[in-house]
N, C-alpha and C. Protein backbone atom coordinates (compact mmCIF):
# COMPACT_ATOMS: atom_id res chain seq x y z
N MET A 1 -72.27 -10.52 88.48
CA MET A 1 -71.32 -11.60 88.61
C MET A 1 -71.07 -12.28 87.27
N LYS A 2 -72.12 -12.40 86.44
CA LYS A 2 -71.93 -13.01 85.13
C LYS A 2 -70.94 -12.21 84.28
N TYR A 3 -70.97 -10.88 84.42
CA TYR A 3 -70.05 -10.04 83.67
C TYR A 3 -68.61 -10.37 84.05
N LEU A 4 -68.34 -10.55 85.35
CA LEU A 4 -67.01 -10.87 85.83
C LEU A 4 -66.56 -12.24 85.30
N ASN A 5 -67.43 -13.22 85.33
CA ASN A 5 -67.09 -14.54 84.82
C ASN A 5 -66.79 -14.51 83.33
N SER A 6 -67.58 -13.80 82.56
CA SER A 6 -67.31 -13.73 81.12
C SER A 6 -66.03 -12.95 80.84
N PHE A 7 -65.71 -11.98 81.70
CA PHE A 7 -64.45 -11.25 81.56
C PHE A 7 -63.27 -12.21 81.73
N TYR A 8 -63.31 -13.04 82.79
CA TYR A 8 -62.23 -13.99 83.02
C TYR A 8 -62.14 -15.04 81.92
N LYS A 9 -63.28 -15.47 81.40
CA LYS A 9 -63.27 -16.41 80.28
C LYS A 9 -62.62 -15.78 79.06
N SER A 10 -62.95 -14.54 78.80
CA SER A 10 -62.35 -13.83 77.66
C SER A 10 -60.85 -13.66 77.85
N LEU A 11 -60.45 -13.34 79.08
CA LEU A 11 -59.03 -13.18 79.39
C LEU A 11 -58.30 -14.51 79.21
N LEU A 12 -58.89 -15.60 79.65
CA LEU A 12 -58.29 -16.91 79.48
C LEU A 12 -58.13 -17.26 78.01
N LEU A 13 -59.15 -17.03 77.22
CA LEU A 13 -59.07 -17.30 75.78
C LEU A 13 -58.02 -16.43 75.11
N LEU A 14 -57.92 -15.18 75.52
CA LEU A 14 -56.91 -14.28 74.97
C LEU A 14 -55.51 -14.78 75.30
N ASN A 15 -55.30 -15.22 76.55
CA ASN A 15 -53.99 -15.76 76.94
C ASN A 15 -53.65 -17.01 76.15
N LEU A 16 -54.61 -17.88 75.94
CA LEU A 16 -54.36 -19.09 75.16
C LEU A 16 -54.05 -18.76 73.71
N ALA A 17 -54.69 -17.73 73.18
CA ALA A 17 -54.44 -17.33 71.80
C ALA A 17 -53.06 -16.70 71.64
N LEU A 18 -52.64 -15.90 72.62
CA LEU A 18 -51.37 -15.20 72.52
C LEU A 18 -50.19 -16.06 72.95
N ALA A 19 -50.38 -16.98 73.86
CA ALA A 19 -49.29 -17.80 74.37
C ALA A 19 -49.73 -19.25 74.50
N PRO A 20 -50.06 -19.91 73.39
CA PRO A 20 -50.56 -21.28 73.50
C PRO A 20 -49.50 -22.26 73.98
N SER A 21 -48.24 -22.01 73.65
CA SER A 21 -47.21 -22.96 74.05
C SER A 21 -47.02 -22.99 75.56
N ALA A 22 -47.21 -21.86 76.22
CA ALA A 22 -47.07 -21.84 77.67
C ALA A 22 -48.15 -22.69 78.32
N ALA A 23 -49.33 -22.69 77.77
CA ALA A 23 -50.43 -23.46 78.35
C ALA A 23 -50.34 -24.94 78.01
N LEU A 24 -49.74 -25.27 76.88
CA LEU A 24 -49.75 -26.65 76.41
C LEU A 24 -48.37 -27.31 76.44
N ALA A 25 -47.36 -26.67 77.02
CA ALA A 25 -46.00 -27.19 77.01
C ALA A 25 -45.92 -28.54 77.72
N VAL A 26 -45.05 -29.41 77.22
CA VAL A 26 -44.80 -30.71 77.83
C VAL A 26 -43.84 -30.49 79.01
N GLU A 27 -44.07 -31.21 80.09
CA GLU A 27 -43.22 -31.08 81.28
C GLU A 27 -41.77 -31.40 80.96
N PRO A 28 -40.82 -30.72 81.60
CA PRO A 28 -39.41 -31.05 81.39
C PRO A 28 -39.09 -32.43 81.98
N ILE A 29 -38.00 -33.02 81.50
CA ILE A 29 -37.54 -34.32 81.98
C ILE A 29 -36.21 -34.10 82.67
N ILE A 30 -36.08 -34.60 83.89
CA ILE A 30 -34.83 -34.49 84.63
C ILE A 30 -34.47 -35.89 85.11
N ASN A 31 -33.23 -36.30 84.84
CA ASN A 31 -32.79 -37.63 85.24
C ASN A 31 -31.31 -37.54 85.57
N GLY A 32 -30.77 -38.54 86.24
CA GLY A 32 -29.36 -38.54 86.57
C GLY A 32 -28.96 -39.80 87.29
N ASP A 33 -27.68 -39.87 87.60
CA ASP A 33 -27.16 -41.03 88.30
C ASP A 33 -25.80 -40.66 88.90
N LYS A 34 -25.29 -41.53 89.76
CA LYS A 34 -23.98 -41.33 90.35
C LYS A 34 -23.41 -42.68 90.75
N THR A 35 -22.09 -42.73 90.88
CA THR A 35 -21.45 -43.96 91.31
C THR A 35 -20.15 -43.62 92.03
N VAL A 36 -19.77 -44.46 92.97
CA VAL A 36 -18.46 -44.37 93.62
C VAL A 36 -17.65 -45.62 93.31
N THR A 37 -18.12 -46.41 92.36
CA THR A 37 -17.41 -47.61 91.92
C THR A 37 -16.23 -47.20 91.04
N ASP A 38 -15.05 -47.72 91.35
CA ASP A 38 -13.87 -47.42 90.54
C ASP A 38 -14.04 -47.95 89.12
N VAL A 39 -13.67 -47.12 88.14
CA VAL A 39 -13.70 -47.52 86.74
C VAL A 39 -12.31 -47.26 86.17
N LEU A 40 -11.70 -48.28 85.57
CA LEU A 40 -10.37 -48.14 84.98
C LEU A 40 -10.49 -47.50 83.61
N LEU A 41 -9.79 -46.40 83.42
CA LEU A 41 -9.76 -45.68 82.15
C LEU A 41 -8.58 -46.22 81.36
N ASN A 42 -8.82 -47.31 80.60
CA ASN A 42 -7.74 -48.01 79.92
C ASN A 42 -7.91 -48.02 78.40
N THR A 43 -8.99 -47.45 77.88
CA THR A 43 -9.19 -47.40 76.43
C THR A 43 -8.35 -46.27 75.84
N VAL A 44 -8.10 -46.38 74.54
CA VAL A 44 -7.34 -45.35 73.81
C VAL A 44 -8.24 -44.78 72.74
N TYR A 45 -8.27 -43.44 72.63
CA TYR A 45 -9.10 -42.79 71.61
C TYR A 45 -8.79 -43.37 70.25
N PRO A 46 -9.79 -43.75 69.45
CA PRO A 46 -11.18 -43.33 69.44
C PRO A 46 -12.16 -44.21 70.22
N THR A 47 -11.66 -45.16 71.01
CA THR A 47 -12.54 -45.99 71.84
C THR A 47 -12.71 -45.32 73.20
N TRP A 48 -13.93 -45.30 73.70
CA TRP A 48 -14.24 -44.63 74.96
C TRP A 48 -14.68 -45.63 76.02
N THR A 49 -14.45 -45.29 77.29
CA THR A 49 -14.95 -46.04 78.43
C THR A 49 -16.17 -45.30 78.98
N VAL A 50 -17.27 -46.03 79.18
CA VAL A 50 -18.47 -45.43 79.77
C VAL A 50 -18.29 -45.41 81.29
N LEU A 51 -18.31 -44.21 81.87
CA LEU A 51 -18.14 -44.05 83.31
C LEU A 51 -19.48 -44.08 84.04
N GLU A 52 -20.51 -43.57 83.40
CA GLU A 52 -21.87 -43.54 83.96
C GLU A 52 -22.83 -43.26 82.81
N SER A 53 -24.08 -43.70 82.94
CA SER A 53 -25.06 -43.43 81.89
C SER A 53 -26.47 -43.38 82.49
N THR A 54 -27.35 -42.72 81.77
CA THR A 54 -28.77 -42.67 82.14
C THR A 54 -29.58 -42.49 80.87
N THR A 55 -30.79 -43.03 80.86
CA THR A 55 -31.63 -43.00 79.67
C THR A 55 -32.82 -42.07 79.87
N VAL A 56 -33.16 -41.34 78.81
CA VAL A 56 -34.29 -40.42 78.81
C VAL A 56 -35.16 -40.74 77.61
N THR A 57 -36.47 -40.81 77.82
CA THR A 57 -37.42 -41.02 76.73
C THR A 57 -38.20 -39.74 76.48
N ILE A 58 -38.10 -39.23 75.26
CA ILE A 58 -38.81 -38.02 74.85
C ILE A 58 -40.25 -38.41 74.50
N PRO A 59 -41.25 -37.66 74.97
CA PRO A 59 -42.64 -38.00 74.66
C PRO A 59 -42.90 -38.03 73.15
N GLN A 60 -43.75 -38.95 72.74
CA GLN A 60 -44.11 -39.12 71.33
C GLN A 60 -44.56 -37.79 70.72
N GLY A 61 -44.06 -37.49 69.54
CA GLY A 61 -44.47 -36.28 68.82
C GLY A 61 -43.80 -35.00 69.28
N SER A 62 -42.84 -35.10 70.20
CA SER A 62 -42.17 -33.91 70.73
C SER A 62 -40.71 -33.87 70.30
N PHE A 63 -40.17 -32.68 70.23
CA PHE A 63 -38.75 -32.44 70.05
C PHE A 63 -38.26 -31.79 71.34
N PHE A 64 -37.17 -32.29 71.90
CA PHE A 64 -36.66 -31.75 73.15
C PHE A 64 -35.22 -31.27 72.98
N ASN A 65 -34.86 -30.24 73.73
CA ASN A 65 -33.47 -29.80 73.86
C ASN A 65 -32.98 -30.31 75.20
N CYS A 66 -31.81 -30.93 75.20
CA CYS A 66 -31.29 -31.53 76.43
C CYS A 66 -29.91 -30.99 76.76
N GLU A 67 -29.62 -30.98 78.04
CA GLU A 67 -28.29 -30.64 78.53
C GLU A 67 -27.85 -31.76 79.46
N VAL A 68 -26.67 -32.32 79.18
CA VAL A 68 -26.12 -33.37 80.02
C VAL A 68 -24.83 -32.83 80.65
N THR A 69 -24.70 -33.04 81.96
CA THR A 69 -23.52 -32.60 82.69
C THR A 69 -22.92 -33.79 83.42
N CYS A 70 -21.62 -33.96 83.28
CA CYS A 70 -20.90 -35.04 83.96
C CYS A 70 -19.73 -34.45 84.75
N THR A 71 -19.48 -35.03 85.91
CA THR A 71 -18.34 -34.65 86.74
C THR A 71 -17.74 -35.92 87.32
N SER A 72 -16.40 -36.03 87.25
CA SER A 72 -15.71 -37.22 87.76
C SER A 72 -14.45 -36.82 88.52
N THR A 73 -14.05 -37.69 89.44
CA THR A 73 -12.77 -37.55 90.12
C THR A 73 -11.84 -38.62 89.57
N VAL A 74 -10.70 -38.17 89.03
CA VAL A 74 -9.74 -39.08 88.40
C VAL A 74 -8.47 -39.10 89.23
N ASN A 75 -7.96 -40.31 89.51
CA ASN A 75 -6.72 -40.47 90.26
C ASN A 75 -5.53 -40.32 89.33
N ASN A 76 -4.52 -39.59 89.78
CA ASN A 76 -3.29 -39.42 89.01
C ASN A 76 -2.55 -40.76 88.97
N PRO A 77 -2.32 -41.32 87.78
CA PRO A 77 -1.68 -42.64 87.70
C PRO A 77 -0.18 -42.61 87.94
N SER A 78 0.44 -41.43 87.85
CA SER A 78 1.89 -41.37 87.99
C SER A 78 2.32 -39.95 88.31
N PHE A 79 2.99 -39.78 89.44
CA PHE A 79 3.46 -38.44 89.79
C PHE A 79 4.74 -38.08 89.04
N ILE A 80 5.63 -39.01 88.87
CA ILE A 80 6.97 -38.68 88.39
C ILE A 80 7.23 -39.16 86.97
N ALA A 81 6.58 -40.21 86.51
CA ALA A 81 6.92 -40.85 85.23
C ALA A 81 6.85 -39.89 84.05
N SER A 82 5.70 -39.27 83.82
CA SER A 82 5.58 -38.42 82.64
C SER A 82 4.24 -37.69 82.67
N ASP A 83 4.08 -36.78 81.72
CA ASP A 83 2.82 -36.07 81.51
C ASP A 83 1.79 -37.08 80.99
N GLN A 84 0.57 -37.05 81.52
CA GLN A 84 -0.48 -37.99 81.12
C GLN A 84 -1.68 -37.22 80.58
N ASP A 85 -2.15 -37.55 79.36
CA ASP A 85 -3.24 -36.82 78.70
C ASP A 85 -4.45 -37.73 78.47
N TYR A 86 -5.64 -37.14 78.70
CA TYR A 86 -6.90 -37.89 78.59
C TYR A 86 -7.98 -37.01 77.97
N TYR A 87 -9.07 -37.67 77.54
CA TYR A 87 -10.26 -36.96 77.06
C TYR A 87 -11.44 -37.34 77.95
N TYR A 88 -12.36 -36.39 78.10
CA TYR A 88 -13.54 -36.58 78.93
C TYR A 88 -14.72 -35.96 78.20
N ALA A 89 -15.89 -36.61 78.24
CA ALA A 89 -17.04 -36.08 77.51
C ALA A 89 -18.36 -36.41 78.20
N ALA A 90 -19.32 -35.52 78.01
CA ALA A 90 -20.72 -35.76 78.34
C ALA A 90 -21.41 -35.79 76.98
N TYR A 91 -22.06 -36.92 76.65
CA TYR A 91 -22.58 -37.04 75.29
C TYR A 91 -23.76 -38.00 75.24
N PHE A 92 -24.39 -38.10 74.06
CA PHE A 92 -25.54 -39.00 73.92
C PHE A 92 -25.25 -40.16 72.99
N ASN A 93 -24.03 -40.33 72.57
CA ASN A 93 -23.64 -41.59 71.93
C ASN A 93 -22.28 -41.98 72.47
N ALA A 94 -21.84 -43.17 72.14
CA ALA A 94 -20.63 -43.71 72.78
C ALA A 94 -19.34 -43.35 72.07
N ASN A 95 -19.39 -42.60 70.96
CA ASN A 95 -18.17 -42.32 70.20
C ASN A 95 -18.08 -40.89 69.68
N PRO A 96 -18.02 -39.89 70.55
CA PRO A 96 -17.84 -38.53 70.05
C PRO A 96 -16.42 -38.34 69.51
N THR A 97 -16.26 -37.38 68.61
CA THR A 97 -14.91 -37.06 68.14
C THR A 97 -14.31 -36.03 69.08
N VAL A 98 -12.99 -35.99 69.17
CA VAL A 98 -12.34 -35.03 70.06
C VAL A 98 -12.51 -33.60 69.56
N ALA A 99 -12.94 -33.43 68.31
CA ALA A 99 -13.19 -32.10 67.77
C ALA A 99 -14.55 -31.55 68.20
N ASP A 100 -15.38 -32.38 68.82
CA ASP A 100 -16.70 -31.94 69.27
C ASP A 100 -16.56 -31.01 70.47
N GLY A 101 -17.40 -30.01 70.54
CA GLY A 101 -17.36 -29.04 71.63
C GLY A 101 -17.72 -29.61 72.99
N CYS A 102 -18.23 -30.83 73.03
CA CYS A 102 -18.60 -31.46 74.30
C CYS A 102 -17.47 -32.29 74.89
N VAL A 103 -16.35 -32.40 74.18
CA VAL A 103 -15.22 -33.20 74.63
C VAL A 103 -14.16 -32.27 75.23
N ARG A 104 -13.67 -32.64 76.41
CA ARG A 104 -12.63 -31.87 77.10
C ARG A 104 -11.36 -32.69 77.18
N GLN A 105 -10.22 -32.03 76.97
CA GLN A 105 -8.94 -32.69 77.18
C GLN A 105 -8.42 -32.27 78.55
N PHE A 106 -7.87 -33.21 79.30
CA PHE A 106 -7.25 -32.86 80.57
C PHE A 106 -5.98 -33.67 80.73
N ASP A 107 -5.10 -33.19 81.59
CA ASP A 107 -3.85 -33.91 81.79
C ASP A 107 -3.34 -33.76 83.21
N PHE A 108 -2.50 -34.72 83.58
CA PHE A 108 -1.72 -34.64 84.80
C PHE A 108 -0.30 -34.32 84.36
N PRO A 109 0.22 -33.14 84.68
CA PRO A 109 1.58 -32.81 84.24
C PRO A 109 2.62 -33.63 84.99
N LYS A 110 3.78 -33.77 84.36
CA LYS A 110 4.88 -34.48 85.00
C LYS A 110 5.30 -33.73 86.26
N PHE A 111 5.49 -34.46 87.33
CA PHE A 111 5.88 -33.86 88.60
C PHE A 111 7.37 -33.53 88.56
N ASP A 112 7.69 -32.28 88.88
CA ASP A 112 9.08 -31.82 88.93
C ASP A 112 9.53 -31.92 90.39
N VAL A 113 10.38 -32.90 90.67
CA VAL A 113 10.80 -33.18 92.04
C VAL A 113 11.46 -31.97 92.69
N PHE A 114 12.16 -31.16 91.90
CA PHE A 114 12.92 -30.05 92.47
C PHE A 114 12.10 -28.76 92.61
N ASN A 115 11.05 -28.59 91.82
CA ASN A 115 10.33 -27.32 91.82
C ASN A 115 8.87 -27.41 92.27
N ASP A 116 8.28 -28.59 92.29
CA ASP A 116 6.88 -28.71 92.68
C ASP A 116 6.78 -29.15 94.14
N ASN A 117 6.09 -28.37 94.93
CA ASN A 117 5.92 -28.71 96.34
C ASN A 117 4.61 -29.43 96.60
N ASP A 118 3.64 -29.21 95.73
CA ASP A 118 2.31 -29.77 95.98
C ASP A 118 1.70 -30.23 94.66
N GLU A 119 1.76 -31.50 94.38
CA GLU A 119 1.18 -32.05 93.16
C GLU A 119 -0.06 -32.85 93.54
N SER A 120 -1.16 -32.59 92.85
CA SER A 120 -2.42 -33.24 93.17
C SER A 120 -2.40 -34.71 92.77
N ASP A 121 -2.93 -35.55 93.66
CA ASP A 121 -3.06 -36.96 93.31
C ASP A 121 -4.43 -37.26 92.71
N LYS A 122 -5.32 -36.25 92.69
CA LYS A 122 -6.65 -36.39 92.08
C LYS A 122 -6.97 -35.13 91.30
N LEU A 123 -7.84 -35.29 90.31
CA LEU A 123 -8.28 -34.17 89.50
C LEU A 123 -9.78 -34.32 89.27
N VAL A 124 -10.54 -33.24 89.47
CA VAL A 124 -11.97 -33.24 89.17
C VAL A 124 -12.14 -32.69 87.77
N VAL A 125 -12.79 -33.47 86.91
CA VAL A 125 -13.02 -33.06 85.52
C VAL A 125 -14.53 -33.00 85.27
N ALA A 126 -14.93 -32.13 84.34
CA ALA A 126 -16.36 -31.96 84.06
C ALA A 126 -16.57 -31.61 82.60
N SER A 127 -17.76 -31.93 82.11
CA SER A 127 -18.17 -31.55 80.76
C SER A 127 -19.67 -31.35 80.76
N THR A 128 -20.11 -30.34 80.02
CA THR A 128 -21.53 -30.09 79.82
C THR A 128 -21.78 -30.02 78.33
N CYS A 129 -22.85 -30.66 77.88
CA CYS A 129 -23.14 -30.69 76.45
C CYS A 129 -24.60 -30.34 76.21
N TYR A 130 -24.84 -29.41 75.28
CA TYR A 130 -26.19 -29.03 74.88
C TYR A 130 -26.51 -29.74 73.57
N LEU A 131 -27.63 -30.45 73.54
CA LEU A 131 -28.05 -31.21 72.37
C LEU A 131 -29.49 -30.82 72.05
N ASP A 132 -29.74 -30.38 70.83
CA ASP A 132 -31.08 -29.89 70.51
C ASP A 132 -31.80 -30.78 69.50
N GLY A 133 -33.12 -30.62 69.47
CA GLY A 133 -33.96 -31.32 68.50
C GLY A 133 -34.00 -32.83 68.67
N LEU A 134 -33.93 -33.32 69.91
CA LEU A 134 -33.92 -34.77 70.14
C LEU A 134 -35.34 -35.33 70.19
N VAL A 135 -35.49 -36.54 69.66
CA VAL A 135 -36.75 -37.27 69.70
C VAL A 135 -36.46 -38.69 70.16
N ASN A 136 -37.50 -39.42 70.57
CA ASN A 136 -37.41 -40.82 70.95
C ASN A 136 -36.61 -41.02 72.24
N THR A 137 -35.87 -42.13 72.33
CA THR A 137 -35.13 -42.48 73.55
C THR A 137 -33.64 -42.31 73.32
N HIS A 138 -32.96 -41.73 74.30
CA HIS A 138 -31.51 -41.53 74.21
C HIS A 138 -30.85 -41.96 75.51
N THR A 139 -29.68 -42.59 75.38
CA THR A 139 -28.85 -42.90 76.53
C THR A 139 -27.72 -41.88 76.56
N PHE A 140 -27.69 -41.09 77.63
CA PHE A 140 -26.65 -40.09 77.80
C PHE A 140 -25.53 -40.71 78.61
N ARG A 141 -24.27 -40.35 78.29
CA ARG A 141 -23.12 -41.01 78.90
C ARG A 141 -22.06 -40.02 79.36
N CYS A 142 -21.39 -40.41 80.44
CA CYS A 142 -20.14 -39.77 80.85
C CYS A 142 -19.04 -40.69 80.33
N LEU A 143 -18.12 -40.14 79.55
CA LEU A 143 -17.12 -40.95 78.86
C LEU A 143 -15.70 -40.48 79.17
N GLY A 144 -14.77 -41.40 79.14
CA GLY A 144 -13.36 -41.05 79.30
C GLY A 144 -12.50 -41.98 78.47
N THR A 145 -11.31 -41.50 78.09
CA THR A 145 -10.36 -42.32 77.34
C THR A 145 -8.97 -41.72 77.44
N ARG A 146 -7.96 -42.54 77.19
CA ARG A 146 -6.59 -42.03 77.12
C ARG A 146 -6.38 -41.38 75.76
N ALA A 147 -5.57 -40.34 75.71
CA ALA A 147 -5.33 -39.63 74.45
C ALA A 147 -4.48 -40.45 73.49
N SER A 148 -3.61 -41.31 74.02
CA SER A 148 -2.77 -42.17 73.17
C SER A 148 -2.38 -43.42 73.96
N ALA A 149 -1.83 -44.39 73.25
CA ALA A 149 -1.43 -45.65 73.89
C ALA A 149 -0.29 -45.44 74.88
N GLY A 150 0.45 -44.36 74.75
CA GLY A 150 1.56 -44.08 75.65
C GLY A 150 1.14 -43.57 77.02
N GLU A 151 -0.12 -43.22 77.18
CA GLU A 151 -0.60 -42.72 78.47
C GLU A 151 -0.90 -43.90 79.40
N LEU A 152 -0.70 -43.71 80.68
CA LEU A 152 -1.01 -44.76 81.65
C LEU A 152 -2.51 -44.83 81.90
N ALA A 153 -2.99 -46.02 82.22
CA ALA A 153 -4.40 -46.17 82.61
C ALA A 153 -4.62 -45.42 83.92
N ALA A 154 -5.78 -44.79 84.04
CA ALA A 154 -6.11 -44.04 85.26
C ALA A 154 -7.39 -44.61 85.85
N VAL A 155 -7.55 -44.46 87.15
CA VAL A 155 -8.76 -44.91 87.83
C VAL A 155 -9.66 -43.71 88.11
N VAL A 156 -10.90 -43.83 87.67
CA VAL A 156 -11.92 -42.83 87.97
C VAL A 156 -12.68 -43.36 89.18
N ASP A 157 -12.60 -42.64 90.31
CA ASP A 157 -13.19 -43.22 91.52
C ASP A 157 -14.58 -42.72 91.88
N SER A 158 -15.10 -41.74 91.15
CA SER A 158 -16.50 -41.35 91.35
C SER A 158 -16.96 -40.51 90.16
N THR A 159 -18.23 -40.67 89.81
CA THR A 159 -18.82 -39.91 88.70
C THR A 159 -20.26 -39.60 89.05
N SER A 160 -20.68 -38.39 88.72
CA SER A 160 -22.10 -38.04 88.84
C SER A 160 -22.53 -37.35 87.56
N MET A 161 -23.81 -37.49 87.24
CA MET A 161 -24.32 -36.88 86.02
C MET A 161 -25.77 -36.48 86.21
N HIS A 162 -26.19 -35.51 85.41
CA HIS A 162 -27.62 -35.20 85.33
C HIS A 162 -27.94 -34.76 83.91
N VAL A 163 -29.18 -35.03 83.54
CA VAL A 163 -29.70 -34.65 82.22
C VAL A 163 -30.98 -33.86 82.45
N ILE A 164 -31.07 -32.72 81.80
CA ILE A 164 -32.28 -31.90 81.85
C ILE A 164 -32.74 -31.69 80.41
N CYS A 165 -33.97 -32.09 80.11
CA CYS A 165 -34.52 -31.95 78.76
C CYS A 165 -35.81 -31.12 78.83
N VAL A 166 -35.93 -30.17 77.94
CA VAL A 166 -37.14 -29.34 77.88
C VAL A 166 -37.70 -29.35 76.46
N ASP A 167 -39.00 -29.20 76.39
CA ASP A 167 -39.71 -29.22 75.12
C ASP A 167 -39.26 -28.05 74.24
N ASP A 168 -38.85 -28.36 73.01
CA ASP A 168 -38.54 -27.33 72.01
C ASP A 168 -39.87 -27.00 71.36
N GLU A 169 -40.61 -26.09 71.98
CA GLU A 169 -42.00 -25.81 71.60
C GLU A 169 -42.13 -25.40 70.14
N GLU A 170 -41.19 -24.61 69.64
CA GLU A 170 -41.28 -24.15 68.25
C GLU A 170 -41.13 -25.32 67.28
N GLN A 171 -40.13 -26.18 67.53
CA GLN A 171 -39.90 -27.30 66.63
C GLN A 171 -41.02 -28.33 66.74
N THR A 172 -41.53 -28.55 67.96
CA THR A 172 -42.65 -29.47 68.14
C THR A 172 -43.87 -28.96 67.39
N ALA A 173 -44.13 -27.65 67.47
CA ALA A 173 -45.28 -27.07 66.76
C ALA A 173 -45.13 -27.22 65.26
N VAL A 174 -43.91 -27.02 64.74
CA VAL A 174 -43.66 -27.19 63.30
C VAL A 174 -43.86 -28.65 62.92
N GLY A 175 -43.35 -29.57 63.77
CA GLY A 175 -43.52 -30.99 63.50
C GLY A 175 -44.97 -31.40 63.50
N GLU A 176 -45.74 -30.87 64.46
CA GLU A 176 -47.16 -31.19 64.52
C GLU A 176 -47.90 -30.62 63.32
N ALA A 177 -47.51 -29.42 62.89
CA ALA A 177 -48.15 -28.82 61.71
C ALA A 177 -47.87 -29.67 60.48
N GLY A 178 -46.63 -30.18 60.38
CA GLY A 178 -46.29 -31.03 59.25
C GLY A 178 -47.03 -32.35 59.28
N GLN A 179 -47.27 -32.87 60.50
CA GLN A 179 -48.00 -34.13 60.62
C GLN A 179 -49.45 -33.95 60.23
N GLU A 180 -50.00 -32.78 60.49
CA GLU A 180 -51.40 -32.54 60.14
C GLU A 180 -51.59 -32.53 58.62
N ASN A 181 -50.55 -32.11 57.91
CA ASN A 181 -50.65 -32.03 56.45
C ASN A 181 -50.48 -33.39 55.79
N ASP A 182 -49.89 -34.34 56.49
CA ASP A 182 -49.65 -35.67 55.90
C ASP A 182 -50.91 -36.47 55.76
């Protein structure tokens, strides 16, 4: 029986030596929120309206990669008046640029009375953003804004979001190695 126990001990040590990050990884962080409270989308880019937010704290000494996903239902402010353009984003600060890959443009096209039989009065919009190498505390946000002052204000009548963060084991290990040398 002692032989079997020492075999398992050796196997455990071998696994720890070959895959230490799997044994010592920090648990993932999952957070989110939702609302059905109407939010008026009346800001004009580069100013954003916060539709929903949630905060995540990264454990001390760790680097995390996070993904934030936002989904909202936006009411069409005008069927006949004109084409309406907006921006939507899932991000970790309140002022992303429209050139960022996490920002989506969406619009309600002008309704053609003679050719359109079914124009939607609501639109579901979504954005997902991958953010790597995060440390400390971050507030993740679902954001919306009008593309220009000529666009009508729109009402967002529901928003949901979730954030999933996982330990960037390689970067954390490099950071810890650097801390040991200090």
